[in-house]
PDB file of N, CA and C in Angstrom:
ATOM      1  N   UNK A   1     -40.122  28.511 -21.847  1.00  0.00           N
ATOM      2  CA  UNK A   1     -40.186  28.331 -23.300  1.00  0.00           C
ATOM      3  C   UNK A   1     -38.987  27.514 -23.738  1.00  0.00           C
ATOM      4  N   UNK A   2     -39.226  26.441 -24.458  1.00  0.00           N
ATOM      5  CA  UNK A   2     -38.150  25.592 -24.944  1.00  0.00           C
ATOM      6  C   UNK A   2     -37.816  25.889 -26.389  1.00  0.00           C
ATOM      7  N   UNK A   3     -38.367  26.955 -26.964  1.00  0.00           N
ATOM      8  CA  UNK A   3     -38.182  27.241 -28.376  1.00  0.00           C
ATOM      9  C   UNK A   3     -36.807  27.755 -28.736  1.00  0.00           C
ATOM     10  N   UNK A   4     -36.146  28.494 -27.832  1.00  0.00           N
ATOM     11  CA  UNK A   4     -34.841  29.067 -28.144  1.00  0.00           C
ATOM     12  C   UNK A   4     -33.763  28.035 -27.873  1.00  0.00           C
ATOM     13  N   UNK A   5     -32.948  27.756 -28.893  1.00  0.00           N
ATOM     14  CA  UNK A   5     -31.871  26.784 -28.739  1.00  0.00           C
ATOM     15  C   UNK A   5     -30.624  27.440 -28.169  1.00  0.00           C
ATOM     16  N   UNK A   6     -30.082  28.433 -28.859  1.00  0.00           N
ATOM     17  CA  UNK A   6     -28.902  29.145 -28.369  1.00  0.00           C
ATOM     18  C   UNK A   6     -28.761  30.463 -29.107  1.00  0.00           C
ATOM     19  N   UNK A   7     -27.979  31.361 -28.521  1.00  0.00           N
ATOM     20  CA  UNK A   7     -27.768  32.687 -29.099  1.00  0.00           C
ATOM     21  C   UNK A   7     -26.598  32.645 -30.075  1.00  0.00           C
ATOM     22  N   UNK A   8     -26.680  33.487 -31.108  1.00  0.00           N
ATOM     23  CA  UNK A   8     -25.622  33.621 -32.106  1.00  0.00           C
ATOM     24  C   UNK A   8     -25.127  35.058 -32.030  1.00  0.00           C
ATOM     25  N   UNK A   9     -23.819  35.247 -31.783  1.00  0.00           N
ATOM     26  CA  UNK A   9     -23.266  36.583 -31.614  1.00  0.00           C
ATOM     27  C   UNK A   9     -22.512  37.019 -32.853  1.00  0.00           C
ATOM     28  N   UNK A  10     -22.831  38.212 -33.343  1.00  0.00           N
ATOM     29  CA  UNK A  10     -22.065  38.832 -34.417  1.00  0.00           C
ATOM     30  C   UNK A  10     -21.830  40.288 -34.045  1.00  0.00           C
ATOM     31  N   UNK A  11     -20.744  40.857 -34.535  1.00  0.00           N
ATOM     32  CA  UNK A  11     -20.433  42.253 -34.242  1.00  0.00           C
ATOM     33  C   UNK A  11     -21.511  43.184 -34.780  1.00  0.00           C
ATOM     34  N   UNK A  12     -21.982  42.897 -35.971  1.00  0.00           N
ATOM     35  CA  UNK A  12     -22.976  43.757 -36.604  1.00  0.00           C
ATOM     36  C   UNK A  12     -24.283  43.778 -35.816  1.00  0.00           C
ATOM     37  N   UNK A  13     -24.716  42.624 -35.342  1.00  0.00           N
ATOM     38  CA  UNK A  13     -25.984  42.586 -34.615  1.00  0.00           C
ATOM     39  C   UNK A  13     -25.876  43.311 -33.275  1.00  0.00           C
ATOM     40  N   UNK A  14     -24.745  43.217 -32.606  1.00  0.00           N
ATOM     41  CA  UNK A  14     -24.578  43.917 -31.337  1.00  0.00           C
ATOM     42  C   UNK A  14     -24.555  45.427 -31.557  1.00  0.00           C
ATOM     43  N   UNK A  15     -23.891  45.876 -32.627  1.00  0.00           N
ATOM     44  CA  UNK A  15     -23.862  47.315 -32.935  1.00  0.00           C
ATOM     45  C   UNK A  15     -25.258  47.854 -33.210  1.00  0.00           C
ATOM     46  N   UNK A  16     -26.101  47.060 -33.860  1.00  0.00           N
ATOM     47  CA  UNK A  16     -27.448  47.507 -34.231  1.00  0.00           C
ATOM     48  C   UNK A  16     -28.481  47.247 -33.138  1.00  0.00           C
ATOM     49  N   UNK A  17     -28.026  46.817 -31.943  1.00  0.00           N
ATOM     50  CA  UNK A  17     -28.910  46.489 -30.824  1.00  0.00           C
ATOM     51  C   UNK A  17     -29.881  45.376 -31.210  1.00  0.00           C
ATOM     52  N   UNK A  18     -29.351  44.365 -31.901  1.00  0.00           N
ATOM     53  CA  UNK A  18     -30.135  43.206 -32.301  1.00  0.00           C
ATOM     54  C   UNK A  18     -29.569  41.968 -31.612  1.00  0.00           C
ATOM     55  N   UNK A  19     -30.426  41.032 -31.325  1.00  0.00           N
ATOM     56  CA  UNK A  19     -30.014  39.774 -30.716  1.00  0.00           C
ATOM     57  C   UNK A  19     -30.490  38.649 -31.616  1.00  0.00           C
ATOM     58  N   UNK A  20     -29.569  37.786 -31.979  1.00  0.00           N
ATOM     59  CA  UNK A  20     -29.850  36.711 -32.913  1.00  0.00           C
ATOM     60  C   UNK A  20     -29.810  35.390 -32.162  1.00  0.00           C
ATOM     61  N   UNK A  21     -30.766  34.525 -32.428  1.00  0.00           N
ATOM     62  CA  UNK A  21     -30.762  33.215 -31.798  1.00  0.00           C
ATOM     63  C   UNK A  21     -31.406  32.197 -32.719  1.00  0.00           C
ATOM     64  N   UNK A  22     -30.956  30.974 -32.584  1.00  0.00           N
ATOM     65  CA  UNK A  22     -31.555  29.865 -33.317  1.00  0.00           C
ATOM     66  C   UNK A  22     -32.695  29.313 -32.473  1.00  0.00           C
ATOM     67  N   UNK A  23     -33.833  29.107 -33.117  1.00  0.00           N
ATOM     68  CA  UNK A  23     -35.023  28.632 -32.414  1.00  0.00           C
ATOM     69  C   UNK A  23     -35.576  27.412 -33.142  1.00  0.00           C
ATOM     70  N   UNK A  24     -36.511  26.735 -32.490  1.00  0.00           N
ATOM     71  CA  UNK A  24     -37.153  25.591 -33.125  1.00  0.00           C
ATOM     72  C   UNK A  24     -38.025  26.063 -34.277  1.00  0.00           C
ATOM     73  N   UNK A  25     -38.180  25.213 -35.267  1.00  0.00           N
ATOM     74  CA  UNK A  25     -38.912  25.602 -36.475  1.00  0.00           C
ATOM     75  C   UNK A  25     -40.381  25.887 -36.216  1.00  0.00           C
ATOM     76  N   UNK A  26     -40.965  25.270 -35.215  1.00  0.00           N
ATOM     77  CA  UNK A  26     -42.392  25.431 -34.967  1.00  0.00           C
ATOM     78  C   UNK A  26     -42.771  26.700 -34.229  1.00  0.00           C
ATOM     79  N   UNK A  27     -41.816  27.397 -33.637  1.00  0.00           N
ATOM     80  CA  UNK A  27     -42.154  28.595 -32.864  1.00  0.00           C
ATOM     81  C   UNK A  27     -42.434  29.778 -33.787  1.00  0.00           C
ATOM     82  N   UNK A  28     -43.387  30.608 -33.389  1.00  0.00           N
ATOM     83  CA  UNK A  28     -43.790  31.739 -34.221  1.00  0.00           C
ATOM     84  C   UNK A  28     -43.176  33.033 -33.698  1.00  0.00           C
ATOM     85  N   UNK A  29     -43.252  34.069 -34.532  1.00  0.00           N
ATOM     86  CA  UNK A  29     -42.694  35.370 -34.153  1.00  0.00           C
ATOM     87  C   UNK A  29     -43.415  35.963 -32.948  1.00  0.00           C
ATOM     88  N   UNK A  30     -44.735  35.881 -32.958  1.00  0.00           N
ATOM     89  CA  UNK A  30     -45.493  36.500 -31.866  1.00  0.00           C
ATOM     90  C   UNK A  30     -45.222  35.803 -30.535  1.00  0.00           C
ATOM     91  N   UNK A  31     -45.118  34.473 -30.542  1.00  0.00           N
ATOM     92  CA  UNK A  31     -44.780  33.744 -29.320  1.00  0.00           C
ATOM     93  C   UNK A  31     -43.444  34.215 -28.771  1.00  0.00           C
ATOM     94  N   UNK A  32     -42.447  34.262 -29.641  1.00  0.00           N
ATOM     95  CA  UNK A  32     -41.113  34.653 -29.205  1.00  0.00           C
ATOM     96  C   UNK A  32     -41.065  36.108 -28.760  1.00  0.00           C
ATOM     97  N   UNK A  33     -41.778  36.977 -29.448  1.00  0.00           N
ATOM     98  CA  UNK A  33     -41.789  38.393 -29.074  1.00  0.00           C
ATOM     99  C   UNK A  33     -42.361  38.568 -27.671  1.00  0.00           C
ATOM    100  N   UNK A  34     -43.501  37.946 -27.401  1.00  0.00           N
ATOM    101  CA  UNK A  34     -44.114  38.065 -26.078  1.00  0.00           C
ATOM    102  C   UNK A  34     -43.226  37.442 -25.009  1.00  0.00           C
ATOM    103  N   UNK A  35     -42.613  36.308 -25.316  1.00  0.00           N
ATOM    104  CA  UNK A  35     -41.756  35.644 -24.341  1.00  0.00           C
ATOM    105  C   UNK A  35     -40.539  36.497 -24.007  1.00  0.00           C
ATOM    106  N   UNK A  36     -39.882  37.078 -25.013  1.00  0.00           N
ATOM    107  CA  UNK A  36     -38.696  37.913 -24.780  1.00  0.00           C
ATOM    108  C   UNK A  36     -39.075  39.158 -23.990  1.00  0.00           C
ATOM    109  N   UNK A  37     -40.193  39.786 -24.333  1.00  0.00           N
ATOM    110  CA  UNK A  37     -40.618  40.989 -23.611  1.00  0.00           C
ATOM    111  C   UNK A  37     -40.946  40.686 -22.151  1.00  0.00           C
ATOM    112  N   UNK A  38     -41.598  39.563 -21.881  1.00  0.00           N
ATOM    113  CA  UNK A  38     -41.944  39.219 -20.507  1.00  0.00           C
ATOM    114  C   UNK A  38     -40.734  38.746 -19.708  1.00  0.00           C
ATOM    115  N   UNK A  39     -39.913  37.896 -20.293  1.00  0.00           N
ATOM    116  CA  UNK A  39     -38.809  37.286 -19.555  1.00  0.00           C
ATOM    117  C   UNK A  39     -37.682  38.275 -19.286  1.00  0.00           C
ATOM    118  N   UNK A  40     -37.289  39.070 -20.277  1.00  0.00           N
ATOM    119  CA  UNK A  40     -36.164  39.992 -20.131  1.00  0.00           C
ATOM    120  C   UNK A  40     -36.590  41.414 -19.789  1.00  0.00           C
ATOM    121  N   UNK A  41     -37.872  41.742 -19.890  1.00  0.00           N
ATOM    122  CA  UNK A  41     -38.344  43.078 -19.557  1.00  0.00           C
ATOM    123  C   UNK A  41     -37.861  44.145 -20.526  1.00  0.00           C
ATOM    124  N   UNK A  42     -37.871  43.849 -21.814  1.00  0.00           N
ATOM    125  CA  UNK A  42     -37.416  44.789 -22.843  1.00  0.00           C
ATOM    126  C   UNK A  42     -38.560  45.052 -23.818  1.00  0.00           C
ATOM    127  N   UNK A  43     -38.391  46.063 -24.662  1.00  0.00           N
ATOM    128  CA  UNK A  43     -39.369  46.370 -25.702  1.00  0.00           C
ATOM    129  C   UNK A  43     -38.808  45.953 -27.054  1.00  0.00           C
ATOM    130  N   UNK A  44     -39.507  45.071 -27.726  1.00  0.00           N
ATOM    131  CA  UNK A  44     -39.098  44.583 -29.044  1.00  0.00           C
ATOM    132  C   UNK A  44     -39.798  45.427 -30.099  1.00  0.00           C
ATOM    133  N   UNK A  45     -39.016  45.989 -31.051  1.00  0.00           N
ATOM    134  CA  UNK A  45     -39.649  46.782 -32.105  1.00  0.00           C
ATOM    135  C   UNK A  45     -39.732  46.018 -33.417  1.00  0.00           C
ATOM    136  N   UNK A  46     -38.912  44.982 -33.597  1.00  0.00           N
ATOM    137  CA  UNK A  46     -38.972  44.214 -34.847  1.00  0.00           C
ATOM    138  C   UNK A  46     -38.496  42.789 -34.608  1.00  0.00           C
ATOM    139  N   UNK A  47     -39.087  41.867 -35.356  1.00  0.00           N
ATOM    140  CA  UNK A  47     -38.676  40.459 -35.334  1.00  0.00           C
ATOM    141  C   UNK A  47     -38.516  40.017 -36.776  1.00  0.00           C
ATOM    142  N   UNK A  48     -37.332  39.605 -37.141  1.00  0.00           N
ATOM    143  CA  UNK A  48     -37.092  39.052 -38.470  1.00  0.00           C
ATOM    144  C   UNK A  48     -36.675  37.601 -38.304  1.00  0.00           C
ATOM    145  N   UNK A  49     -36.992  36.790 -39.290  1.00  0.00           N
ATOM    146  CA  UNK A  49     -36.595  35.390 -39.204  1.00  0.00           C
ATOM    147  C   UNK A  49     -36.307  34.852 -40.592  1.00  0.00           C
ATOM    148  N   UNK A  50     -35.460  33.844 -40.621  1.00  0.00           N
ATOM    149  CA  UNK A  50     -35.247  33.111 -41.857  1.00  0.00           C
ATOM    150  C   UNK A  50     -34.958  31.662 -41.499  1.00  0.00           C
ATOM    151  N   UNK A  51     -35.284  30.783 -42.425  1.00  0.00           N
ATOM    152  CA  UNK A  51     -35.149  29.349 -42.210  1.00  0.00           C
ATOM    153  C   UNK A  51     -33.850  28.887 -42.838  1.00  0.00           C
ATOM    154  N   UNK A  52     -33.007  28.275 -42.037  1.00  0.00           N
ATOM    155  CA  UNK A  52     -31.721  27.782 -42.511  1.00  0.00           C
ATOM    156  C   UNK A  52     -31.849  26.307 -42.866  1.00  0.00           C
ATOM    157  N   UNK A  53     -31.230  25.881 -43.946  1.00  0.00           N
ATOM    158  CA  UNK A  53     -31.373  24.485 -44.363  1.00  0.00           C
ATOM    159  C   UNK A  53     -30.549  23.553 -43.484  1.00  0.00           C
ATOM    160  N   UNK A  54     -30.969  22.291 -43.462  1.00  0.00           N
ATOM    161  CA  UNK A  54     -30.194  21.281 -42.763  1.00  0.00           C
ATOM    162  C   UNK A  54     -28.960  20.912 -43.562  1.00  0.00           C
ATOM    163  N   UNK A  55     -27.972  20.363 -42.879  1.00  0.00           N
ATOM    164  CA  UNK A  55     -26.728  19.987 -43.545  1.00  0.00           C
ATOM    165  C   UNK A  55     -26.743  18.491 -43.851  1.00  0.00           C
ATOM    166  N   UNK A  56     -26.112  18.123 -44.940  1.00  0.00           N
ATOM    167  CA  UNK A  56     -26.018  16.717 -45.300  1.00  0.00           C
ATOM    168  C   UNK A  56     -24.987  15.999 -44.452  1.00  0.00           C
ATOM    169  N   UNK A  57     -25.306  14.800 -44.024  1.00  0.00           N
ATOM    170  CA  UNK A  57     -24.397  13.982 -43.222  1.00  0.00           C
ATOM    171  C   UNK A  57     -24.329  12.594 -43.841  1.00  0.00           C
ATOM    172  N   UNK A  58     -23.136  12.087 -43.981  1.00  0.00           N
ATOM    173  CA  UNK A  58     -22.953  10.772 -44.580  1.00  0.00           C
ATOM    174  C   UNK A  58     -22.451   9.794 -43.524  1.00  0.00           C
ATOM    175  N   UNK A  59     -23.100   8.639 -43.456  1.00  0.00           N
ATOM    176  CA  UNK A  59     -22.663   7.535 -42.608  1.00  0.00           C
ATOM    177  C   UNK A  59     -22.404   6.348 -43.523  1.00  0.00           C
ATOM    178  N   UNK A  60     -21.201   6.260 -44.050  1.00  0.00           N
ATOM    179  CA  UNK A  60     -20.885   5.216 -45.012  1.00  0.00           C
ATOM    180  C   UNK A  60     -21.626   5.464 -46.310  1.00  0.00           C
ATOM    181  N   UNK A  61     -22.345   4.461 -46.817  1.00  0.00           N
ATOM    182  CA  UNK A  61     -23.059   4.656 -48.080  1.00  0.00           C
ATOM    183  C   UNK A  61     -24.398   5.382 -47.922  1.00  0.00           C
ATOM    184  N   UNK A  62     -24.826   5.577 -46.681  1.00  0.00           N
ATOM    185  CA  UNK A  62     -26.135   6.177 -46.436  1.00  0.00           C
ATOM    186  C   UNK A  62     -25.978   7.682 -46.254  1.00  0.00           C
ATOM    187  N   UNK A  63     -26.743   8.445 -47.018  1.00  0.00           N
ATOM    188  CA  UNK A  63     -26.716   9.900 -46.913  1.00  0.00           C
ATOM    189  C   UNK A  63     -27.923  10.357 -46.115  1.00  0.00           C
ATOM    190  N   UNK A  64     -27.671  11.087 -45.040  1.00  0.00           N
ATOM    191  CA  UNK A  64     -28.746  11.637 -44.227  1.00  0.00           C
ATOM    192  C   UNK A  64     -28.621  13.145 -44.168  1.00  0.00           C
ATOM    193  N   UNK A  65     -29.381  13.757 -43.317  1.00  0.00           N
ATOM    194  CA  UNK A  65     -29.290  15.203 -43.151  1.00  0.00           C
ATOM    195  C   UNK A  65     -29.745  15.589 -41.752  1.00  0.00           C
ATOM    196  N   UNK A  66     -29.277  16.742 -41.301  1.00  0.00           N
ATOM    197  CA  UNK A  66     -29.722  17.274 -40.024  1.00  0.00           C
ATOM    198  C   UNK A  66     -31.014  18.059 -40.246  1.00  0.00           C
ATOM    199  N   UNK A  67     -31.711  18.324 -39.179  1.00  0.00           N
ATOM    200  CA  UNK A  67     -32.975  19.053 -39.278  1.00  0.00           C
ATOM    201  C   UNK A  67     -32.713  20.522 -39.598  1.00  0.00           C
ATOM    202  N   UNK A  68     -33.623  21.123 -40.343  1.00  0.00           N
ATOM    203  CA  UNK A  68     -33.509  22.556 -40.588  1.00  0.00           C
ATOM    204  C   UNK A  68     -33.986  23.297 -39.341  1.00  0.00           C
ATOM    205  N   UNK A  69     -33.587  24.549 -39.225  1.00  0.00           N
ATOM    206  CA  UNK A  69     -33.976  25.347 -38.074  1.00  0.00           C
ATOM    207  C   UNK A  69     -34.208  26.785 -38.501  1.00  0.00           C
ATOM    208  N   UNK A  70     -34.763  27.565 -37.606  1.00  0.00           N
ATOM    209  CA  UNK A  70     -35.120  28.952 -37.880  1.00  0.00           C
ATOM    210  C   UNK A  70     -34.217  29.857 -37.047  1.00  0.00           C
ATOM    211  N   UNK A  71     -33.795  30.967 -37.642  1.00  0.00           N
ATOM    212  CA  UNK A  71     -33.000  31.969 -36.932  1.00  0.00           C
ATOM    213  C   UNK A  71     -33.833  33.235 -36.798  1.00  0.00           C
ATOM    214  N   UNK A  72     -33.985  33.708 -35.572  1.00  0.00           N
ATOM    215  CA  UNK A  72     -34.747  34.916 -35.285  1.00  0.00           C
ATOM    216  C   UNK A  72     -33.790  36.052 -34.963  1.00  0.00           C
ATOM    217  N   UNK A  73     -34.064  37.217 -35.538  1.00  0.00           N
ATOM    218  CA  UNK A  73     -33.289  38.419 -35.265  1.00  0.00           C
ATOM    219  C   UNK A  73     -34.230  39.386 -34.557  1.00  0.00           C
ATOM    220  N   UNK A  74     -33.931  39.676 -33.297  1.00  0.00           N
ATOM    221  CA  UNK A  74     -34.789  40.496 -32.455  1.00  0.00           C
ATOM    222  C   UNK A  74     -34.162  41.877 -32.333  1.00  0.00           C
ATOM    223  N   UNK A  75     -34.872  42.914 -32.769  1.00  0.00           N
ATOM    224  CA  UNK A  75     -34.390  44.290 -32.657  1.00  0.00           C
ATOM    225  C   UNK A  75     -35.088  44.953 -31.481  1.00  0.00           C
ATOM    226  N   UNK A  76     -34.283  45.515 -30.581  1.00  0.00           N
ATOM    227  CA  UNK A  76     -34.821  46.157 -29.390  1.00  0.00           C
ATOM    228  C   UNK A  76     -34.894  47.665 -29.564  1.00  0.00           C
ATOM    229  N   UNK A  77     -35.762  48.274 -28.774  1.00  0.00           N
ATOM    230  CA  UNK A  77     -35.877  49.727 -28.734  1.00  0.00           C
ATOM    231  C   UNK A  77     -34.563  50.300 -28.197  1.00  0.00           C
ATOM    232  N   UNK A  78     -34.091  51.435 -28.725  1.00  0.00           N
ATOM    233  CA  UNK A  78     -32.841  52.021 -28.207  1.00  0.00           C
ATOM    234  C   UNK A  78     -32.933  52.275 -26.703  1.00  0.00           C
ATOM    235  N   UNK A  79     -31.869  51.942 -26.000  1.00  0.00           N
ATOM    236  CA  UNK A  79     -31.845  52.084 -24.547  1.00  0.00           C
ATOM    237  C   UNK A  79     -32.085  50.779 -23.811  1.00  0.00           C
ATOM    238  N   UNK A  80     -32.579  49.767 -24.495  1.00  0.00           N
ATOM    239  CA  UNK A  80     -32.807  48.460 -23.888  1.00  0.00           C
ATOM    240  C   UNK A  80     -31.703  47.502 -24.319  1.00  0.00           C
ATOM    241  N   UNK A  81     -31.370  46.568 -23.437  1.00  0.00           N
ATOM    242  CA  UNK A  81     -30.428  45.507 -23.802  1.00  0.00           C
ATOM    243  C   UNK A  81     -30.735  44.284 -22.951  1.00  0.00           C
ATOM    244  N   UNK A  82     -30.319  43.146 -23.434  1.00  0.00           N
ATOM    245  CA  UNK A  82     -30.477  41.896 -22.697  1.00  0.00           C
ATOM    246  C   UNK A  82     -29.135  41.628 -22.032  1.00  0.00           C
ATOM    247  N   UNK A  83     -29.051  41.871 -20.721  1.00  0.00           N
ATOM    248  CA  UNK A  83     -27.768  41.871 -20.020  1.00  0.00           C
ATOM    249  C   UNK A  83     -27.041  40.532 -20.018  1.00  0.00           C
ATOM    250  N   UNK A  84     -27.703  39.382 -19.766  1.00  0.00           N
ATOM    251  CA  UNK A  84     -26.937  38.128 -19.777  1.00  0.00           C
ATOM    252  C   UNK A  84     -26.261  37.868 -21.123  1.00  0.00           C
ATOM    253  N   UNK A  85     -26.925  38.188 -22.216  1.00  0.00           N
ATOM    254  CA  UNK A  85     -26.323  37.977 -23.529  1.00  0.00           C
ATOM    255  C   UNK A  85     -25.232  38.999 -23.791  1.00  0.00           C
ATOM    256  N   UNK A  86     -25.409  40.231 -23.331  1.00  0.00           N
ATOM    257  CA  UNK A  86     -24.404  41.276 -23.518  1.00  0.00           C
ATOM    258  C   UNK A  86     -23.125  40.917 -22.749  1.00  0.00           C
ATOM    259  N   UNK A  87     -23.276  40.407 -21.509  1.00  0.00           N
ATOM    260  CA  UNK A  87     -22.104  40.023 -20.718  1.00  0.00           C
ATOM    261  C   UNK A  87     -21.358  38.883 -21.382  1.00  0.00           C
ATOM    262  N   UNK A  88     -22.096  37.908 -21.917  1.00  0.00           N
ATOM    263  CA  UNK A  88     -21.452  36.774 -22.569  1.00  0.00           C
ATOM    264  C   UNK A  88     -20.695  37.233 -23.809  1.00  0.00           C
ATOM    265  N   UNK A  89     -21.265  38.168 -24.574  1.00  0.00           N
ATOM    266  CA  UNK A  89     -20.581  38.671 -25.758  1.00  0.00           C
ATOM    267  C   UNK A  89     -19.323  39.431 -25.366  1.00  0.00           C
ATOM    268  N   UNK A  90     -19.390  40.253 -24.303  1.00  0.00           N
ATOM    269  CA  UNK A  90     -18.211  40.992 -23.861  1.00  0.00           C
ATOM    270  C   UNK A  90     -17.110  40.041 -23.414  1.00  0.00           C
ATOM    271  N   UNK A  91     -17.468  38.940 -22.755  1.00  0.00           N
ATOM    272  CA  UNK A  91     -16.475  37.958 -22.343  1.00  0.00           C
ATOM    273  C   UNK A  91     -15.824  37.321 -23.560  1.00  0.00           C
ATOM    274  N   UNK A  92     -16.625  36.960 -24.568  1.00  0.00           N
ATOM    275  CA  UNK A  92     -16.071  36.391 -25.791  1.00  0.00           C
ATOM    276  C   UNK A  92     -15.177  37.395 -26.500  1.00  0.00           C
ATOM    277  N   UNK A  93     -15.580  38.670 -26.492  1.00  0.00           N
ATOM    278  CA  UNK A  93     -14.801  39.713 -27.153  1.00  0.00           C
ATOM    279  C   UNK A  93     -13.454  39.893 -26.458  1.00  0.00           C
ATOM    280  N   UNK A  94     -13.435  39.878 -25.117  1.00  0.00           N
ATOM    281  CA  UNK A  94     -12.175  40.032 -24.385  1.00  0.00           C
ATOM    282  C   UNK A  94     -11.239  38.863 -24.661  1.00  0.00           C
ATOM    283  N   UNK A  95     -11.777  37.646 -24.705  1.00  0.00           N
ATOM    284  CA  UNK A  95     -10.938  36.483 -24.980  1.00  0.00           C
ATOM    285  C   UNK A  95     -10.353  36.548 -26.380  1.00  0.00           C
ATOM    286  N   UNK A  96     -11.137  36.993 -27.356  1.00  0.00           N
ATOM    287  CA  UNK A  96     -10.618  37.075 -28.720  1.00  0.00           C
ATOM    288  C   UNK A  96      -9.566  38.168 -28.829  1.00  0.00           C
ATOM    289  N   UNK A  97      -9.699  39.264 -28.071  1.00  0.00           N
ATOM    290  CA  UNK A  97      -8.684  40.317 -28.083  1.00  0.00           C
ATOM    291  C   UNK A  97      -7.386  39.791 -27.490  1.00  0.00           C
ATOM    292  N   UNK A  98      -7.461  38.994 -26.417  1.00  0.00           N
ATOM    293  CA  UNK A  98      -6.254  38.409 -25.823  1.00  0.00           C
ATOM    294  C   UNK A  98      -5.552  37.503 -26.823  1.00  0.00           C
ATOM    295  N   UNK A  99      -6.313  36.700 -27.544  1.00  0.00           N
ATOM    296  CA  UNK A  99      -5.726  35.790 -28.530  1.00  0.00           C
ATOM    297  C   UNK A  99      -5.074  36.579 -29.653  1.00  0.00           C
ATOM    298  N   UNK A 100      -5.756  37.630 -30.134  1.00  0.00           N
ATOM    299  CA  UNK A 100      -5.182  38.446 -31.204  1.00  0.00           C
ATOM    300  C   UNK A 100      -3.919  39.159 -30.745  1.00  0.00           C
ATOM    301  N   UNK A 101      -3.888  39.641 -29.502  1.00  0.00           N
ATOM    302  CA  UNK A 101      -2.685  40.295 -28.988  1.00  0.00           C
ATOM    303  C   UNK A 101      -1.520  39.325 -28.913  1.00  0.00           C
ATOM    304  N   UNK A 102      -1.763  38.110 -28.437  1.00  0.00           N
ATOM    305  CA  UNK A 102      -0.672  37.137 -28.345  1.00  0.00           C
ATOM    306  C   UNK A 102      -0.181  36.740 -29.733  1.00  0.00           C
ATOM    307  N   UNK A 103      -1.104  36.659 -30.713  1.00  0.00           N
ATOM    308  CA  UNK A 103      -0.680  36.347 -32.078  1.00  0.00           C
ATOM    309  C   UNK A 103       0.153  37.482 -32.660  1.00  0.00           C
ATOM    310  N   UNK A 104      -0.226  38.727 -32.383  1.00  0.00           N
ATOM    311  CA  UNK A 104       0.525  39.877 -32.889  1.00  0.00           C
ATOM    312  C   UNK A 104       1.915  39.924 -32.280  1.00  0.00           C
ATOM    313  N   UNK A 105       2.032  39.633 -30.991  1.00  0.00           N
ATOM    314  CA  UNK A 105       3.352  39.616 -30.343  1.00  0.00           C
ATOM    315  C   UNK A 105       4.218  38.529 -30.954  1.00  0.00           C
ATOM    316  N   UNK A 106       3.639  37.359 -31.176  1.00  0.00           N
ATOM    317  CA  UNK A 106       4.395  36.258 -31.774  1.00  0.00           C
ATOM    318  C   UNK A 106       4.866  36.625 -33.184  1.00  0.00           C
ATOM    319  N   UNK A 107       3.980  37.217 -33.987  1.00  0.00           N
ATOM    320  CA  UNK A 107       4.372  37.620 -35.343  1.00  0.00           C
ATOM    321  C   UNK A 107       5.458  38.684 -35.317  1.00  0.00           C
ATOM    322  N   UNK A 108       5.380  39.621 -34.374  1.00  0.00           N
ATOM    323  CA  UNK A 108       6.393  40.668 -34.270  1.00  0.00           C
ATOM    324  C   UNK A 108       7.746  40.060 -33.917  1.00  0.00           C
ATOM    325  N   UNK A 109       7.752  39.133 -32.955  1.00  0.00           N
ATOM    326  CA  UNK A 109       9.015  38.522 -32.534  1.00  0.00           C
ATOM    327  C   UNK A 109       9.633  37.701 -33.652  1.00  0.00           C
ATOM    328  N   UNK A 110       8.812  36.965 -34.393  1.00  0.00           N
ATOM    329  CA  UNK A 110       9.372  36.135 -35.465  1.00  0.00           C
ATOM    330  C   UNK A 110       9.845  36.984 -36.634  1.00  0.00           C
ATOM    331  N   UNK A 111       9.190  38.110 -36.902  1.00  0.00           N
ATOM    332  CA  UNK A 111       9.600  38.937 -38.042  1.00  0.00           C
ATOM    333  C   UNK A 111      10.844  39.759 -37.735  1.00  0.00           C
ATOM    334  N   UNK A 112      11.055  40.119 -36.469  1.00  0.00           N
ATOM    335  CA  UNK A 112      12.226  40.928 -36.119  1.00  0.00           C
ATOM    336  C   UNK A 112      13.404  40.087 -35.670  1.00  0.00           C
ATOM    337  N   UNK A 113      13.230  38.809 -35.507  1.00  0.00           N
ATOM    338  CA  UNK A 113      14.317  37.941 -35.074  1.00  0.00           C
ATOM    339  C   UNK A 113      14.480  37.890 -33.572  1.00  0.00           C
ATOM    340  N   UNK A 114      13.577  38.496 -32.810  1.00  0.00           N
ATOM    341  CA  UNK A 114      13.671  38.475 -31.356  1.00  0.00           C
ATOM    342  C   UNK A 114      13.252  37.134 -30.777  1.00  0.00           C
ATOM    343  N   UNK A 115      12.527  36.370 -31.546  1.00  0.00           N
ATOM    344  CA  UNK A 115      12.024  35.090 -31.060  1.00  0.00           C
ATOM    345  C   UNK A 115      13.144  34.067 -30.945  1.00  0.00           C
ATOM    346  N   UNK A 116      14.056  34.077 -31.887  1.00  0.00           N
ATOM    347  CA  UNK A 116      15.161  33.127 -31.891  1.00  0.00           C
ATOM    348  C   UNK A 116      16.413  33.833 -31.395  1.00  0.00           C
ATOM    349  N   UNK A 117      16.882  33.454 -30.227  1.00  0.00           N
ATOM    350  CA  UNK A 117      18.082  34.099 -29.693  1.00  0.00           C
ATOM    351  C   UNK A 117      19.314  33.369 -30.212  1.00  0.00           C
ATOM    352  N   UNK A 118      20.364  34.112 -30.501  1.00  0.00           N
ATOM    353  CA  UNK A 118      21.604  33.534 -31.034  1.00  0.00           C
ATOM    354  C   UNK A 118      22.726  33.693 -30.021  1.00  0.00           C
ATOM    355  N   UNK A 119      22.452  33.382 -28.750  1.00  0.00           N
ATOM    356  CA  UNK A 119      23.471  33.561 -27.721  1.00  0.00           C
ATOM    357  C   UNK A 119      24.301  32.345 -27.485  1.00  0.00           C
TER     358      UNK A 119
END
């Protein structure tokens, strides 16, 4: 299936056992539901979708726009998860925690004067 473009990760969707992805505008809910159930071996209990508008792009005096696309929110039965997407989210979460920790250490050092040594 070429309908799914890429996954979109949010904390709220992961907590609610939902998986969000941008798909092509022509794909339908039933197509995607059957494809996800067959490919990942999970049970889908709900499919929500909304159409996102295209963005305006300017090339000099000419104003154009990007194509609009559809975002599907797939809710799974409790106990099921899509492991490749879950692993990717956990990796992103670990990297963001490392960045936040390094920022906190830097802020602590600059606020206490430990960052600048006066030796």
